[in-house]
Amino acid sequence: MANLVKQYKNDPFTGHLSTPITTSLLTRLILSNLPLYREGLSPILKGLEIGISHGYFLIGPFVTFGPLRNSSIANFAGLLSTFGLLCILVVGLIIYGNVSFEDSNLQSKNEWNKFTFGFLIGGFGGAGFAFSLLNYVVNYF
């Protein structure tokens, strides 16, 4: 049986293993199309796109499984819970940016702050869009 797991680029000192999945063309294509790795996007647009997807999908578990799931304000409570979680995530992003980038490297710190701002705005927008769909579109069907 062939050994399918090898060192990445035959370097035993890297912390990555080369497998048929991690080195396949399909995996590299999918990862290169993620907003964080896509070429030509500014940091604020990367954060905006990632935030929209997080805000859009985070509201669902709060509406479905939250303590007010059987009440008439379940969607609104889910929206507020999503806003709260997004604020916690943004605080985490701010803390990460402050400890990861030194003061001498202002360009990276500035880009991270733009990414964080885009994530916040996108997250609130995605959650607001999902809330409007839940309130005004789902109730008509």
C-alpha atoms as a PDB file:
ATOM      1  CA  MET A   1       0.000   0.000   0.000  1.00  0.00           C
ATOM      2  CA  ALA A   2       1.366   3.401  -0.968  1.00  0.00           C
ATOM      3  CA  ASN A   3       2.192   6.002   1.637  1.00  0.00           C
ATOM      4  CA  LEU A   4      -0.244   8.826   0.853  1.00  0.00           C
ATOM      5  CA  VAL A   5       0.741  11.111   3.725  1.00  0.00           C
ATOM      6  CA  LYS A   6       4.114  12.819   3.306  1.00  0.00           C
ATOM      7  CA  GLN A   7       5.914  15.893   4.550  1.00  0.00           C
ATOM      8  CA  TYR A   8       4.857  19.069   2.816  1.00  0.00           C
ATOM      9  CA  LYS A   9       7.379  19.806   0.039  1.00  0.00           C
ATOM     10  CA  ASN A  10       9.594  17.087   1.559  1.00  0.00           C
ATOM     11  CA  ASP A  11      10.498  19.393   4.445  1.00  0.00           C
ATOM     12  CA  PRO A  12      10.268  17.570   7.802  1.00  0.00           C
ATOM     13  CA  PHE A  13      10.396  20.849   9.737  1.00  0.00           C
ATOM     14  CA  THR A  14       7.095  22.269   8.525  1.00  0.00           C
ATOM     15  CA  GLY A  15       3.997  21.748  10.622  1.00  0.00           C
ATOM     16  CA  HIS A  16       1.920  20.615   7.677  1.00  0.00           C
ATOM     17  CA  LEU A  17       1.417  17.229   6.069  1.00  0.00           C
ATOM     18  CA  SER A  18       0.829  16.707   2.398  1.00  0.00           C
ATOM     19  CA  THR A  19      -2.195  14.482   1.780  1.00  0.00           C
ATOM     20  CA  PRO A  20      -4.224  13.883  -1.379  1.00  0.00           C
ATOM     21  CA  ILE A  21      -6.881  16.220  -0.001  1.00  0.00           C
ATOM     22  CA  THR A  22      -4.704  19.101   1.199  1.00  0.00           C
ATOM     23  CA  THR A  23      -2.609  19.251  -1.956  1.00  0.00           C
ATOM     24  CA  SER A  24      -5.325  18.641  -4.531  1.00  0.00           C
ATOM     25  CA  LEU A  25      -6.146  21.217  -7.175  1.00  0.00           C
ATOM     26  CA  LEU A  26      -9.802  21.297  -6.076  1.00  0.00           C
ATOM     27  CA  THR A  27      -8.871  22.185  -2.488  1.00  0.00           C
ATOM     28  CA  ARG A  28      -6.537  24.944  -3.621  1.00  0.00           C
ATOM     29  CA  LEU A  29      -9.217  26.284  -5.964  1.00  0.00           C
ATOM     30  CA  ILE A  30     -11.847  26.379  -3.223  1.00  0.00           C
ATOM     31  CA  LEU A  31      -9.506  28.033  -0.728  1.00  0.00           C
ATOM     32  CA  SER A  32      -8.321  30.621  -3.244  1.00  0.00           C
ATOM     33  CA  ASN A  33     -11.953  31.694  -3.817  1.00  0.00           C
ATOM     34  CA  LEU A  34     -12.618  32.393  -0.135  1.00  0.00           C
ATOM     35  CA  PRO A  35     -12.844  36.141   0.568  1.00  0.00           C
ATOM     36  CA  LEU A  36      -9.850  36.131   2.897  1.00  0.00           C
ATOM     37  CA  TYR A  37      -7.525  34.765   0.200  1.00  0.00           C
ATOM     38  CA  ARG A  38      -9.119  36.348  -2.889  1.00  0.00           C
ATOM     39  CA  GLU A  39      -6.816  38.713  -4.746  1.00  0.00           C
ATOM     40  CA  GLY A  40      -7.931  42.257  -5.474  1.00  0.00           C
ATOM     41  CA  LEU A  41     -10.261  42.766  -2.503  1.00  0.00           C
ATOM     42  CA  SER A  42      -9.550  45.472   0.036  1.00  0.00           C
ATOM     43  CA  PRO A  43      -9.523  44.457   3.725  1.00  0.00           C
ATOM     44  CA  ILE A  44     -12.829  46.202   4.369  1.00  0.00           C
ATOM     45  CA  LEU A  45     -14.532  44.287   1.548  1.00  0.00           C
ATOM     46  CA  LYS A  46     -13.083  41.009   2.821  1.00  0.00           C
ATOM     47  CA  GLY A  47     -14.472  41.760   6.277  1.00  0.00           C
ATOM     48  CA  LEU A  48     -17.788  42.865   4.812  1.00  0.00           C
ATOM     49  CA  GLU A  49     -18.248  39.647   2.853  1.00  0.00           C
ATOM     50  CA  ILE A  50     -17.256  37.421   5.777  1.00  0.00           C
ATOM     51  CA  GLY A  51     -19.440  39.439   8.157  1.00  0.00           C
ATOM     52  CA  ILE A  52     -22.488  39.208   5.900  1.00  0.00           C
ATOM     53  CA  SER A  53     -22.285  35.442   5.796  1.00  0.00           C
ATOM     54  CA  HIS A  54     -21.763  35.175   9.563  1.00  0.00           C
ATOM     55  CA  GLY A  55     -24.619  37.541  10.387  1.00  0.00           C
ATOM     56  CA  TYR A  56     -26.951  35.821   7.954  1.00  0.00           C
ATOM     57  CA  PHE A  57     -26.388  32.326   9.308  1.00  0.00           C
ATOM     58  CA  LEU A  58     -26.004  33.104  13.033  1.00  0.00           C
ATOM     59  CA  ILE A  59     -29.565  34.302  13.477  1.00  0.00           C
ATOM     60  CA  GLY A  60     -31.040  30.882  12.676  1.00  0.00           C
ATOM     61  CA  PRO A  61     -29.891  28.958  15.758  1.00  0.00           C
ATOM     62  CA  PHE A  62     -30.979  31.795  18.050  1.00  0.00           C
ATOM     63  CA  VAL A  63     -34.465  31.900  16.513  1.00  0.00           C
ATOM     64  CA  THR A  64     -34.851  28.119  16.366  1.00  0.00           C
ATOM     65  CA  PHE A  65     -33.275  27.034  19.650  1.00  0.00           C
ATOM     66  CA  GLY A  66     -33.349  30.188  21.797  1.00  0.00           C
ATOM     67  CA  PRO A  67     -35.368  30.459  25.002  1.00  0.00           C
ATOM     68  CA  LEU A  68     -38.009  32.620  23.283  1.00  0.00           C
ATOM     69  CA  ARG A  69     -38.437  30.266  20.309  1.00  0.00           C
ATOM     70  CA  ASN A  70     -42.179  29.759  20.915  1.00  0.00           C
ATOM     71  CA  SER A  71     -43.026  33.415  21.478  1.00  0.00           C
ATOM     72  CA  SER A  72     -44.145  36.065  19.037  1.00  0.00           C
ATOM     73  CA  ILE A  73     -40.846  37.935  19.394  1.00  0.00           C
ATOM     74  CA  ALA A  74     -38.586  34.971  18.602  1.00  0.00           C
ATOM     75  CA  ASN A  75     -37.228  36.590  15.443  1.00  0.00           C
ATOM     76  CA  PHE A  76     -36.473  39.884  17.182  1.00  0.00           C
ATOM     77  CA  ALA A  77     -34.853  38.111  20.136  1.00  0.00           C
ATOM     78  CA  GLY A  78     -32.758  36.129  17.651  1.00  0.00           C
ATOM     79  CA  LEU A  79     -31.720  39.349  15.941  1.00  0.00           C
ATOM     80  CA  LEU A  80     -30.645  40.949  19.224  1.00  0.00           C
ATOM     81  CA  SER A  81     -28.792  37.782  20.237  1.00  0.00           C
ATOM     82  CA  THR A  82     -27.002  37.756  16.895  1.00  0.00           C
ATOM     83  CA  PHE A  83     -26.025  41.406  17.358  1.00  0.00           C
ATOM     84  CA  GLY A  84     -24.654  40.554  20.789  1.00  0.00           C
ATOM     85  CA  LEU A  85     -22.623  37.624  19.496  1.00  0.00           C
ATOM     86  CA  LEU A  86     -21.286  39.717  16.621  1.00  0.00           C
ATOM     87  CA  CYS A  87     -20.167  42.378  19.111  1.00  0.00           C
ATOM     88  CA  ILE A  88     -18.368  39.703  21.131  1.00  0.00           C
ATOM     89  CA  LEU A  89     -16.689  38.435  17.949  1.00  0.00           C
ATOM     90  CA  VAL A  90     -15.621  41.969  17.009  1.00  0.00           C
ATOM     91  CA  VAL A  91     -14.113  42.499  20.462  1.00  0.00           C
ATOM     92  CA  GLY A  92     -12.183  39.261  19.913  1.00  0.00           C
ATOM     93  CA  LEU A  93     -10.995  40.500  16.515  1.00  0.00           C
ATOM     94  CA  ILE A  94      -9.884  43.796  18.036  1.00  0.00           C
ATOM     95  CA  ILE A  95      -7.973  42.036  20.811  1.00  0.00           C
ATOM     96  CA  TYR A  96      -6.345  39.692  18.310  1.00  0.00           C
ATOM     97  CA  GLY A  97      -5.296  42.610  16.107  1.00  0.00           C
ATOM     98  CA  ASN A  98      -3.841  44.533  19.029  1.00  0.00           C
ATOM     99  CA  VAL A  99      -1.685  41.676  20.279  1.00  0.00           C
ATOM    100  CA  SER A 100      -0.679  40.312  16.869  1.00  0.00           C
ATOM    101  CA  PHE A 101       0.499  43.470  15.145  1.00  0.00           C
ATOM    102  CA  GLU A 102       3.167  45.652  16.686  1.00  0.00           C
ATOM    103  CA  ASP A 103       2.991  49.438  16.670  1.00  0.00           C
ATOM    104  CA  SER A 104       5.869  49.594  14.192  1.00  0.00           C
ATOM    105  CA  ASN A 105       3.799  47.665  11.646  1.00  0.00           C
ATOM    106  CA  LEU A 106       0.990  50.182  11.186  1.00  0.00           C
ATOM    107  CA  GLN A 107      -0.018  49.004   7.734  1.00  0.00           C
ATOM    108  CA  SER A 108      -0.972  45.520   8.928  1.00  0.00           C
ATOM    109  CA  LYS A 109      -2.668  46.877  12.036  1.00  0.00           C
ATOM    110  CA  ASN A 110      -4.554  49.405   9.929  1.00  0.00           C
ATOM    111  CA  GLU A 111      -5.649  46.703   7.477  1.00  0.00           C
ATOM    112  CA  TRP A 112      -6.804  44.487  10.350  1.00  0.00           C
ATOM    113  CA  ASN A 113      -8.856  47.364  11.775  1.00  0.00           C
ATOM    114  CA  LYS A 114     -10.487  47.879   8.379  1.00  0.00           C
ATOM    115  CA  PHE A 115     -11.228  44.157   8.169  1.00  0.00           C
ATOM    116  CA  THR A 116     -12.795  44.263  11.659  1.00  0.00           C
ATOM    117  CA  PHE A 117     -14.940  47.283  10.769  1.00  0.00           C
ATOM    118  CA  GLY A 118     -16.104  45.568   7.583  1.00  0.00           C
ATOM    119  CA  PHE A 119     -16.931  42.427   9.573  1.00  0.00           C
ATOM    120  CA  LEU A 120     -19.057  44.429  12.015  1.00  0.00           C
ATOM    121  CA  ILE A 121     -21.008  46.288   9.332  1.00  0.00           C
ATOM    122  CA  GLY A 122     -21.425  43.156   7.217  1.00  0.00           C
ATOM    123  CA  GLY A 123     -22.515  41.087  10.203  1.00  0.00           C
ATOM    124  CA  PHE A 124     -25.182  43.574  11.212  1.00  0.00           C
ATOM    125  CA  GLY A 125     -26.343  43.874   7.608  1.00  0.00           C
ATOM    126  CA  GLY A 126     -26.489  40.104   7.098  1.00  0.00           C
ATOM    127  CA  ALA A 127     -28.416  39.629  10.340  1.00  0.00           C
ATOM    128  CA  GLY A 128     -30.804  42.453   9.432  1.00  0.00           C
ATOM    129  CA  PHE A 129     -31.404  40.936   6.005  1.00  0.00           C
ATOM    130  CA  ALA A 130     -32.081  37.496   7.507  1.00  0.00           C
ATOM    131  CA  PHE A 131     -34.421  39.098  10.072  1.00  0.00           C
ATOM    132  CA  SER A 132     -36.376  40.851   7.327  1.00  0.00           C
ATOM    133  CA  LEU A 133     -36.647  37.596   5.395  1.00  0.00           C
ATOM    134  CA  LEU A 134     -37.889  35.781   8.494  1.00  0.00           C
ATOM    135  CA  ASN A 135     -40.460  38.455   9.318  1.00  0.00           C
ATOM    136  CA  TYR A 136     -41.755  39.507   5.956  1.00  0.00           C
ATOM    137  CA  VAL A 137     -41.146  36.675   3.498  1.00  0.00           C
ATOM    138  CA  VAL A 138     -41.428  33.465   5.510  1.00  0.00           C
ATOM    139  CA  ASN A 139     -44.722  34.519   7.124  1.00  0.00           C
ATOM    140  CA  TYR A 140     -46.388  34.858   3.722  1.00  0.00           C
ATOM    141  CA  PHE A 141     -45.679  31.280   2.642  1.00  0.00           C
END
